[in-house]
Amino acid sequence: MANIELITQLYYSFGAEDFNYNVRLNQLKYIKELGKGGFGVVNLMYDGIKKSEVAVKFLDFNNSSINSQLLKKEVIALSNLDHLGIVSLVDSFPHN
């Protein structure tokens, strides 16, 4: 908690309940669709926390080619990238 002053917004849950990711999702405002692919759709959105536009990828879990190992590999790969030509992974969370 020593570094809490560095955080611009803090999320929490009460007691033993699971964190409600809709709290985070509600900070994203849709601007337009950027593209569709085999795994889902990417939208341009405004992130109220970062105060900037972000690309948000919504995965289609009805697609049989998406599995947890593939998803985990993508999240790890994107979170380790630092390149001007590739968007950075800011956050990942489930959404239904």
N, C-alpha and C. Protein backbone atom coordinates (compact mmCIF):
# COMPACT_ATOMS: atom_id res chain seq x y z
N MET A 1 0.82 -1.20 0.00
CA MET A 1 0.00 0.00 0.00
C MET A 1 0.86 1.26 0.00
N ALA A 2 2.16 1.12 0.12
CA ALA A 2 3.04 2.28 0.18
C ALA A 2 2.99 3.09 -1.11
N ASN A 3 2.74 2.42 -2.25
CA ASN A 3 2.73 3.11 -3.53
C ASN A 3 1.33 3.49 -4.00
N ILE A 4 0.37 3.47 -3.13
CA ILE A 4 -1.01 3.71 -3.54
C ILE A 4 -1.21 5.12 -4.11
N GLU A 5 -0.38 6.08 -3.71
CA GLU A 5 -0.53 7.43 -4.25
C GLU A 5 -0.19 7.49 -5.74
N LEU A 6 0.50 6.47 -6.26
CA LEU A 6 0.84 6.42 -7.68
C LEU A 6 -0.34 5.96 -8.53
N ILE A 7 -1.35 5.37 -7.92
CA ILE A 7 -2.50 4.83 -8.64
C ILE A 7 -3.54 5.92 -8.81
N THR A 8 -4.01 6.11 -10.07
CA THR A 8 -5.01 7.14 -10.31
C THR A 8 -6.41 6.65 -10.00
N GLN A 9 -6.64 5.34 -10.10
CA GLN A 9 -7.95 4.79 -9.81
C GLN A 9 -7.77 3.42 -9.19
N LEU A 10 -8.47 3.14 -8.12
CA LEU A 10 -8.33 1.89 -7.40
C LEU A 10 -9.66 1.14 -7.44
N TYR A 11 -9.60 -0.15 -7.75
CA TYR A 11 -10.79 -0.99 -7.77
C TYR A 11 -10.69 -2.00 -6.64
N TYR A 12 -11.80 -2.34 -6.08
CA TYR A 12 -11.82 -3.31 -4.99
C TYR A 12 -13.15 -4.03 -5.00
N SER A 13 -13.19 -5.12 -4.25
CA SER A 13 -14.45 -5.84 -4.05
C SER A 13 -14.67 -6.00 -2.56
N PHE A 14 -15.89 -6.25 -2.18
CA PHE A 14 -16.23 -6.39 -0.77
C PHE A 14 -16.11 -7.84 -0.34
N GLY A 15 -15.46 -8.07 0.79
CA GLY A 15 -15.37 -9.41 1.36
C GLY A 15 -14.75 -10.40 0.41
N ALA A 16 -15.39 -11.55 0.29
CA ALA A 16 -14.84 -12.64 -0.52
C ALA A 16 -15.43 -12.68 -1.93
N GLU A 17 -16.20 -11.67 -2.31
CA GLU A 17 -16.82 -11.72 -3.64
C GLU A 17 -15.76 -11.53 -4.73
N ASP A 18 -16.04 -12.08 -5.91
CA ASP A 18 -15.15 -11.92 -7.05
C ASP A 18 -15.18 -10.48 -7.53
N PHE A 19 -14.06 -10.04 -8.09
CA PHE A 19 -14.00 -8.70 -8.66
C PHE A 19 -14.94 -8.60 -9.85
N ASN A 20 -15.69 -7.53 -9.94
CA ASN A 20 -16.63 -7.32 -11.03
C ASN A 20 -15.92 -6.56 -12.14
N TYR A 21 -15.56 -7.25 -13.22
CA TYR A 21 -14.81 -6.63 -14.32
C TYR A 21 -15.64 -5.63 -15.10
N ASN A 22 -16.95 -5.64 -14.91
CA ASN A 22 -17.78 -4.63 -15.56
C ASN A 22 -17.44 -3.23 -15.06
N VAL A 23 -16.89 -3.13 -13.85
CA VAL A 23 -16.44 -1.84 -13.33
C VAL A 23 -15.37 -1.28 -14.27
N ARG A 24 -14.42 -2.13 -14.67
CA ARG A 24 -13.36 -1.71 -15.60
C ARG A 24 -13.93 -1.46 -16.98
N LEU A 25 -14.78 -2.35 -17.44
CA LEU A 25 -15.37 -2.22 -18.77
C LEU A 25 -16.18 -0.94 -18.91
N ASN A 26 -16.81 -0.51 -17.85
CA ASN A 26 -17.62 0.72 -17.89
C ASN A 26 -16.78 1.97 -18.11
N GLN A 27 -15.47 1.87 -17.94
CA GLN A 27 -14.58 3.00 -18.20
C GLN A 27 -14.22 3.13 -19.67
N LEU A 28 -14.67 2.18 -20.49
CA LEU A 28 -14.37 2.17 -21.92
C LEU A 28 -15.59 2.63 -22.71
N LYS A 29 -15.41 3.62 -23.56
CA LYS A 29 -16.50 4.14 -24.38
C LYS A 29 -16.22 3.83 -25.86
N TYR A 30 -17.17 3.17 -26.51
CA TYR A 30 -17.04 2.76 -27.91
C TYR A 30 -16.93 3.97 -28.83
N ILE A 31 -15.97 3.91 -29.77
CA ILE A 31 -15.83 4.93 -30.81
C ILE A 31 -16.19 4.33 -32.16
N LYS A 32 -15.48 3.26 -32.56
CA LYS A 32 -15.79 2.59 -33.82
C LYS A 32 -15.10 1.24 -33.90
N GLU A 33 -15.57 0.41 -34.81
CA GLU A 33 -14.95 -0.89 -35.05
C GLU A 33 -13.71 -0.70 -35.92
N LEU A 34 -12.62 -1.36 -35.53
CA LEU A 34 -11.39 -1.28 -36.32
C LEU A 34 -11.23 -2.47 -37.25
N GLY A 35 -11.74 -3.63 -36.85
CA GLY A 35 -11.61 -4.80 -37.71
C GLY A 35 -12.12 -6.05 -37.05
N LYS A 36 -12.32 -7.08 -37.90
CA LYS A 36 -12.77 -8.39 -37.42
C LYS A 36 -11.78 -9.43 -37.90
N GLY A 37 -11.64 -10.48 -37.11
CA GLY A 37 -10.77 -11.58 -37.48
C GLY A 37 -11.34 -12.89 -37.02
N GLY A 38 -10.53 -13.93 -37.12
CA GLY A 38 -10.98 -15.26 -36.74
C GLY A 38 -11.27 -15.40 -35.26
N PHE A 39 -10.65 -14.58 -34.43
CA PHE A 39 -10.84 -14.70 -32.99
C PHE A 39 -11.85 -13.73 -32.43
N GLY A 40 -12.28 -12.73 -33.19
CA GLY A 40 -13.23 -11.76 -32.66
C GLY A 40 -13.14 -10.42 -33.34
N VAL A 41 -13.46 -9.37 -32.62
CA VAL A 41 -13.52 -8.02 -33.17
C VAL A 41 -12.63 -7.08 -32.34
N VAL A 42 -12.04 -6.09 -33.02
CA VAL A 42 -11.24 -5.07 -32.34
C VAL A 42 -11.95 -3.73 -32.53
N ASN A 43 -12.18 -3.05 -31.41
CA ASN A 43 -12.86 -1.75 -31.44
C ASN A 43 -11.92 -0.65 -30.94
N LEU A 44 -12.07 0.52 -31.52
CA LEU A 44 -11.41 1.71 -31.00
C LEU A 44 -12.32 2.24 -29.91
N MET A 45 -11.74 2.46 -28.71
CA MET A 45 -12.53 2.92 -27.58
C MET A 45 -11.75 4.00 -26.82
N TYR A 46 -12.48 4.80 -26.06
CA TYR A 46 -11.84 5.80 -25.21
C TYR A 46 -11.79 5.23 -23.80
N ASP A 47 -10.58 5.18 -23.23
CA ASP A 47 -10.38 4.66 -21.89
C ASP A 47 -10.38 5.81 -20.90
N GLY A 48 -11.41 5.87 -20.06
CA GLY A 48 -11.55 6.94 -19.08
C GLY A 48 -10.49 6.93 -18.01
N ILE A 49 -9.84 5.80 -17.80
CA ILE A 49 -8.76 5.71 -16.81
C ILE A 49 -7.46 6.25 -17.40
N LYS A 50 -7.11 5.77 -18.59
CA LYS A 50 -5.88 6.23 -19.24
C LYS A 50 -6.03 7.59 -19.89
N LYS A 51 -7.28 8.03 -20.08
CA LYS A 51 -7.57 9.31 -20.74
C LYS A 51 -6.99 9.33 -22.16
N SER A 52 -7.19 8.20 -22.87
CA SER A 52 -6.69 8.10 -24.25
C SER A 52 -7.50 7.06 -25.01
N GLU A 53 -7.31 7.05 -26.33
CA GLU A 53 -7.94 6.04 -27.16
C GLU A 53 -7.14 4.75 -27.06
N VAL A 54 -7.85 3.63 -27.05
CA VAL A 54 -7.23 2.32 -26.97
C VAL A 54 -7.93 1.37 -27.94
N ALA A 55 -7.23 0.34 -28.38
CA ALA A 55 -7.83 -0.72 -29.17
C ALA A 55 -8.21 -1.83 -28.21
N VAL A 56 -9.46 -2.27 -28.28
CA VAL A 56 -9.95 -3.32 -27.38
C VAL A 56 -10.38 -4.51 -28.22
N LYS A 57 -9.78 -5.66 -27.91
CA LYS A 57 -10.08 -6.89 -28.64
C LYS A 57 -11.07 -7.72 -27.82
N PHE A 58 -12.23 -7.97 -28.40
CA PHE A 58 -13.24 -8.83 -27.78
C PHE A 58 -13.17 -10.19 -28.48
N LEU A 59 -12.83 -11.22 -27.72
CA LEU A 59 -12.68 -12.55 -28.29
C LEU A 59 -14.01 -13.27 -28.37
N ASP A 60 -14.19 -14.02 -29.44
CA ASP A 60 -15.40 -14.82 -29.64
C ASP A 60 -15.13 -16.23 -29.13
N PHE A 61 -15.58 -16.52 -27.90
CA PHE A 61 -15.29 -17.81 -27.30
C PHE A 61 -16.18 -18.93 -27.85
N ASN A 62 -17.09 -18.60 -28.76
CA ASN A 62 -17.84 -19.63 -29.46
C ASN A 62 -16.99 -20.23 -30.57
N ASN A 63 -15.89 -19.56 -30.90
CA ASN A 63 -14.96 -20.03 -31.92
C ASN A 63 -14.16 -21.20 -31.34
N SER A 64 -14.23 -22.35 -31.98
CA SER A 64 -13.59 -23.55 -31.45
C SER A 64 -12.06 -23.49 -31.51
N SER A 65 -11.48 -22.54 -32.28
CA SER A 65 -10.02 -22.47 -32.38
C SER A 65 -9.40 -21.69 -31.23
N ILE A 66 -10.21 -21.07 -30.38
CA ILE A 66 -9.68 -20.36 -29.21
C ILE A 66 -9.63 -21.33 -28.04
N ASN A 67 -8.46 -21.47 -27.45
CA ASN A 67 -8.35 -22.28 -26.24
C ASN A 67 -7.55 -21.51 -25.20
N SER A 68 -7.58 -21.95 -23.98
CA SER A 68 -6.97 -21.20 -22.88
C SER A 68 -5.46 -21.08 -23.05
N GLN A 69 -4.79 -22.10 -23.58
CA GLN A 69 -3.34 -22.03 -23.78
C GLN A 69 -2.98 -20.99 -24.83
N LEU A 70 -3.73 -20.95 -25.92
CA LEU A 70 -3.49 -19.96 -26.98
C LEU A 70 -3.72 -18.55 -26.45
N LEU A 71 -4.77 -18.37 -25.69
CA LEU A 71 -5.08 -17.07 -25.12
C LEU A 71 -3.99 -16.63 -24.14
N LYS A 72 -3.55 -17.54 -23.29
CA LYS A 72 -2.50 -17.23 -22.33
C LYS A 72 -1.21 -16.83 -23.04
N LYS A 73 -0.84 -17.55 -24.11
CA LYS A 73 0.36 -17.22 -24.88
C LYS A 73 0.26 -15.83 -25.49
N GLU A 74 -0.91 -15.49 -26.02
CA GLU A 74 -1.09 -14.17 -26.63
C GLU A 74 -0.96 -13.06 -25.59
N VAL A 75 -1.57 -13.23 -24.43
CA VAL A 75 -1.50 -12.22 -23.36
C VAL A 75 -0.06 -12.04 -22.90
N ILE A 76 0.67 -13.14 -22.72
CA ILE A 76 2.07 -13.05 -22.30
C ILE A 76 2.91 -12.37 -23.37
N ALA A 77 2.73 -12.76 -24.62
CA ALA A 77 3.51 -12.17 -25.71
C ALA A 77 3.24 -10.67 -25.83
N LEU A 78 1.97 -10.28 -25.81
CA LEU A 78 1.63 -8.87 -25.94
C LEU A 78 2.11 -8.04 -24.76
N SER A 79 2.07 -8.62 -23.56
CA SER A 79 2.48 -7.86 -22.38
C SER A 79 3.99 -7.65 -22.34
N ASN A 80 4.75 -8.47 -23.07
CA ASN A 80 6.21 -8.33 -23.09
C ASN A 80 6.72 -7.50 -24.26
N LEU A 81 5.85 -7.10 -25.18
CA LEU A 81 6.28 -6.33 -26.35
C LEU A 81 6.45 -4.86 -26.02
N ASP A 82 7.46 -4.25 -26.63
CA ASP A 82 7.68 -2.81 -26.51
C ASP A 82 8.21 -2.32 -27.84
N HIS A 83 7.30 -1.97 -28.76
CA HIS A 83 7.67 -1.58 -30.11
C HIS A 83 6.72 -0.49 -30.59
N LEU A 84 7.25 0.52 -31.26
CA LEU A 84 6.42 1.63 -31.73
C LEU A 84 5.34 1.19 -32.73
N GLY A 85 5.61 0.13 -33.48
CA GLY A 85 4.66 -0.30 -34.50
C GLY A 85 3.63 -1.30 -34.02
N ILE A 86 3.69 -1.68 -32.75
CA ILE A 86 2.76 -2.68 -32.21
C ILE A 86 2.11 -2.10 -30.96
N VAL A 87 0.78 -2.23 -30.87
CA VAL A 87 0.09 -1.71 -29.69
C VAL A 87 0.50 -2.51 -28.46
N SER A 88 0.54 -1.83 -27.32
CA SER A 88 0.91 -2.47 -26.05
C SER A 88 -0.33 -3.01 -25.36
N LEU A 89 -0.15 -4.12 -24.68
CA LEU A 89 -1.24 -4.67 -23.87
C LEU A 89 -1.31 -3.87 -22.58
N VAL A 90 -2.47 -3.28 -22.31
CA VAL A 90 -2.65 -2.47 -21.12
C VAL A 90 -3.33 -3.28 -20.03
N ASP A 91 -4.31 -4.10 -20.41
CA ASP A 91 -5.12 -4.80 -19.43
C ASP A 91 -5.75 -6.00 -20.12
N SER A 92 -6.11 -7.00 -19.35
CA SER A 92 -6.88 -8.12 -19.88
C SER A 92 -7.83 -8.59 -18.80
N PHE A 93 -9.04 -8.92 -19.18
CA PHE A 93 -10.02 -9.39 -18.22
C PHE A 93 -11.17 -10.07 -18.95
N PRO A 94 -11.86 -10.97 -18.27
CA PRO A 94 -12.99 -11.65 -18.89
C PRO A 94 -14.20 -10.73 -19.01
N HIS A 95 -14.99 -10.97 -20.02
CA HIS A 95 -16.22 -10.22 -20.22
C HIS A 95 -17.25 -11.17 -20.83
N ASN A 96 -18.46 -11.18 -20.29
CA ASN A 96 -19.50 -12.04 -20.87
C ASN A 96 -20.56 -11.22 -21.50
